[in-house]
Amino acid sequence: MQFTAFKLLPLSQQTIYLVQHGRFLAAQQQDSFELQLFACHDFYAETWRVQGEERILFIHIFQNPDCLFHYLEKIILPSM
């Protein structure tokens, strides 16, 4: 799925798509939030949750790799 199509989906369908098709890259904490970074077809998606809660508050999507700066040390690359 392309960036623009994903952006038009409601949050519940975005979440399902990430679980089924996103590649988990990294996780981090920011204040009282747990963030998870996923790579998708032509974009990245960052899920935001309150620590200890299951519900996703929102999903930040972006295409600019400069936004990955805070994750560089935490990204898990698949072994070859």
C-alpha atoms as a PDB file:
ATOM      1  CA  MET A   1       0.000   0.000   0.000  1.00  0.00           C
ATOM      2  CA  GLN A   2       1.271   3.442  -0.900  1.00  0.00           C
ATOM      3  CA  PHE A   3       1.678   6.375   1.508  1.00  0.00           C
ATOM      4  CA  THR A   4      -1.357   8.321   0.270  1.00  0.00           C
ATOM      5  CA  ALA A   5      -3.700   5.300   0.426  1.00  0.00           C
ATOM      6  CA  PHE A   6      -2.552   4.411   3.960  1.00  0.00           C
ATOM      7  CA  LYS A   7      -3.030   8.012   5.069  1.00  0.00           C
ATOM      8  CA  LEU A   8      -6.715   7.881   4.050  1.00  0.00           C
ATOM      9  CA  LEU A   9      -7.494   4.787   6.165  1.00  0.00           C
ATOM     10  CA  PRO A  10      -9.098   5.119   9.601  1.00  0.00           C
ATOM     11  CA  LEU A  11      -6.790   4.407  12.551  1.00  0.00           C
ATOM     12  CA  SER A  12      -8.224   0.905  13.107  1.00  0.00           C
ATOM     13  CA  GLN A  13      -7.459  -0.158   9.521  1.00  0.00           C
ATOM     14  CA  GLN A  14      -4.007   1.458   9.646  1.00  0.00           C
ATOM     15  CA  THR A  15      -3.269  -0.612  12.745  1.00  0.00           C
ATOM     16  CA  ILE A  16      -4.391  -3.840  11.068  1.00  0.00           C
ATOM     17  CA  TYR A  17      -2.281  -3.057   8.006  1.00  0.00           C
ATOM     18  CA  LEU A  18       0.837  -2.456  10.131  1.00  0.00           C
ATOM     19  CA  VAL A  19       0.363  -5.738  12.003  1.00  0.00           C
ATOM     20  CA  GLN A  20      -0.057  -7.670   8.759  1.00  0.00           C
ATOM     21  CA  HIS A  21       2.373  -5.898   6.431  1.00  0.00           C
ATOM     22  CA  GLY A  22       4.663  -3.566   8.372  1.00  0.00           C
ATOM     23  CA  ARG A  23       8.221  -4.531   9.228  1.00  0.00           C
ATOM     24  CA  PHE A  24       9.041  -3.691  12.841  1.00  0.00           C
ATOM     25  CA  LEU A  25      12.286  -1.713  13.050  1.00  0.00           C
ATOM     26  CA  ALA A  26      12.637  -0.267  16.548  1.00  0.00           C
ATOM     27  CA  ALA A  27      10.962   0.903  19.739  1.00  0.00           C
ATOM     28  CA  GLN A  28      11.626   3.749  22.109  1.00  0.00           C
ATOM     29  CA  GLN A  29      10.050   5.674  24.964  1.00  0.00           C
ATOM     30  CA  GLN A  30       9.310   9.376  24.901  1.00  0.00           C
ATOM     31  CA  ASP A  31       8.001  10.853  28.131  1.00  0.00           C
ATOM     32  CA  SER A  32       5.012   8.646  29.063  1.00  0.00           C
ATOM     33  CA  PHE A  33       4.606   7.185  25.563  1.00  0.00           C
ATOM     34  CA  GLU A  34       5.791   3.965  23.927  1.00  0.00           C
ATOM     35  CA  LEU A  35       6.676   4.410  20.258  1.00  0.00           C
ATOM     36  CA  GLN A  36       7.179   1.654  17.690  1.00  0.00           C
ATOM     37  CA  LEU A  37       8.634   2.227  14.240  1.00  0.00           C
ATOM     38  CA  PHE A  38       7.573   0.202  11.195  1.00  0.00           C
ATOM     39  CA  ALA A  39       8.734   0.229   7.575  1.00  0.00           C
ATOM     40  CA  CYS A  40       6.088  -0.167   4.902  1.00  0.00           C
ATOM     41  CA  HIS A  41       6.104   0.006   1.113  1.00  0.00           C
ATOM     42  CA  ASP A  42       7.178   3.624   0.522  1.00  0.00           C
ATOM     43  CA  PHE A  43       6.854   5.105   4.013  1.00  0.00           C
ATOM     44  CA  TYR A  44       7.532   4.678   7.722  1.00  0.00           C
ATOM     45  CA  ALA A  45       4.896   4.531  10.449  1.00  0.00           C
ATOM     46  CA  GLU A  46       5.372   5.353  14.108  1.00  0.00           C
ATOM     47  CA  THR A  47       2.706   4.146  16.548  1.00  0.00           C
ATOM     48  CA  TRP A  48       2.147   6.072  19.775  1.00  0.00           C
ATOM     49  CA  ARG A  49       0.726   4.441  22.926  1.00  0.00           C
ATOM     50  CA  VAL A  50       0.527   5.483  26.542  1.00  0.00           C
ATOM     51  CA  GLN A  51       2.978   3.306  28.487  1.00  0.00           C
ATOM     52  CA  GLY A  52       1.315   0.126  29.677  1.00  0.00           C
ATOM     53  CA  GLU A  53      -1.762   0.544  27.497  1.00  0.00           C
ATOM     54  CA  GLU A  54      -2.670  -1.515  24.439  1.00  0.00           C
ATOM     55  CA  ARG A  55      -4.657   1.118  22.525  1.00  0.00           C
ATOM     56  CA  ILE A  56      -2.791   3.106  19.872  1.00  0.00           C
ATOM     57  CA  LEU A  57      -3.434   6.832  20.261  1.00  0.00           C
ATOM     58  CA  PHE A  58      -2.247   7.780  16.799  1.00  0.00           C
ATOM     59  CA  ILE A  59       0.067   6.768  13.976  1.00  0.00           C
ATOM     60  CA  HIS A  60       2.571   9.239  12.599  1.00  0.00           C
ATOM     61  CA  ILE A  61       3.506   8.406   8.999  1.00  0.00           C
ATOM     62  CA  PHE A  62       6.359   9.915   7.027  1.00  0.00           C
ATOM     63  CA  GLN A  63       8.560   9.350   4.007  1.00  0.00           C
ATOM     64  CA  ASN A  64      11.539  11.548   4.826  1.00  0.00           C
ATOM     65  CA  PRO A  65      14.381   9.362   6.158  1.00  0.00           C
ATOM     66  CA  ASP A  66      15.680  12.342   8.162  1.00  0.00           C
ATOM     67  CA  CYS A  67      12.858  11.585  10.622  1.00  0.00           C
ATOM     68  CA  LEU A  68      14.620   8.291  11.489  1.00  0.00           C
ATOM     69  CA  PHE A  69      17.441  10.124  13.291  1.00  0.00           C
ATOM     70  CA  HIS A  70      16.166   9.310  16.812  1.00  0.00           C
ATOM     71  CA  TYR A  71      15.929   5.609  15.952  1.00  0.00           C
ATOM     72  CA  LEU A  72      19.272   4.983  14.244  1.00  0.00           C
ATOM     73  CA  GLU A  73      20.905   3.262  17.209  1.00  0.00           C
ATOM     74  CA  LYS A  74      17.784   1.186  17.953  1.00  0.00           C
ATOM     75  CA  ILE A  75      16.853  -0.114  14.501  1.00  0.00           C
ATOM     76  CA  ILE A  76      16.929  -3.904  14.286  1.00  0.00           C
ATOM     77  CA  LEU A  77      18.018  -5.096  10.852  1.00  0.00           C
ATOM     78  CA  PRO A  78      17.115  -8.617   9.783  1.00  0.00           C
ATOM     79  CA  SER A  79      20.038 -11.070   9.770  1.00  0.00           C
ATOM     80  CA  MET A  80      21.090 -12.366   6.374  1.00  0.00           C
END
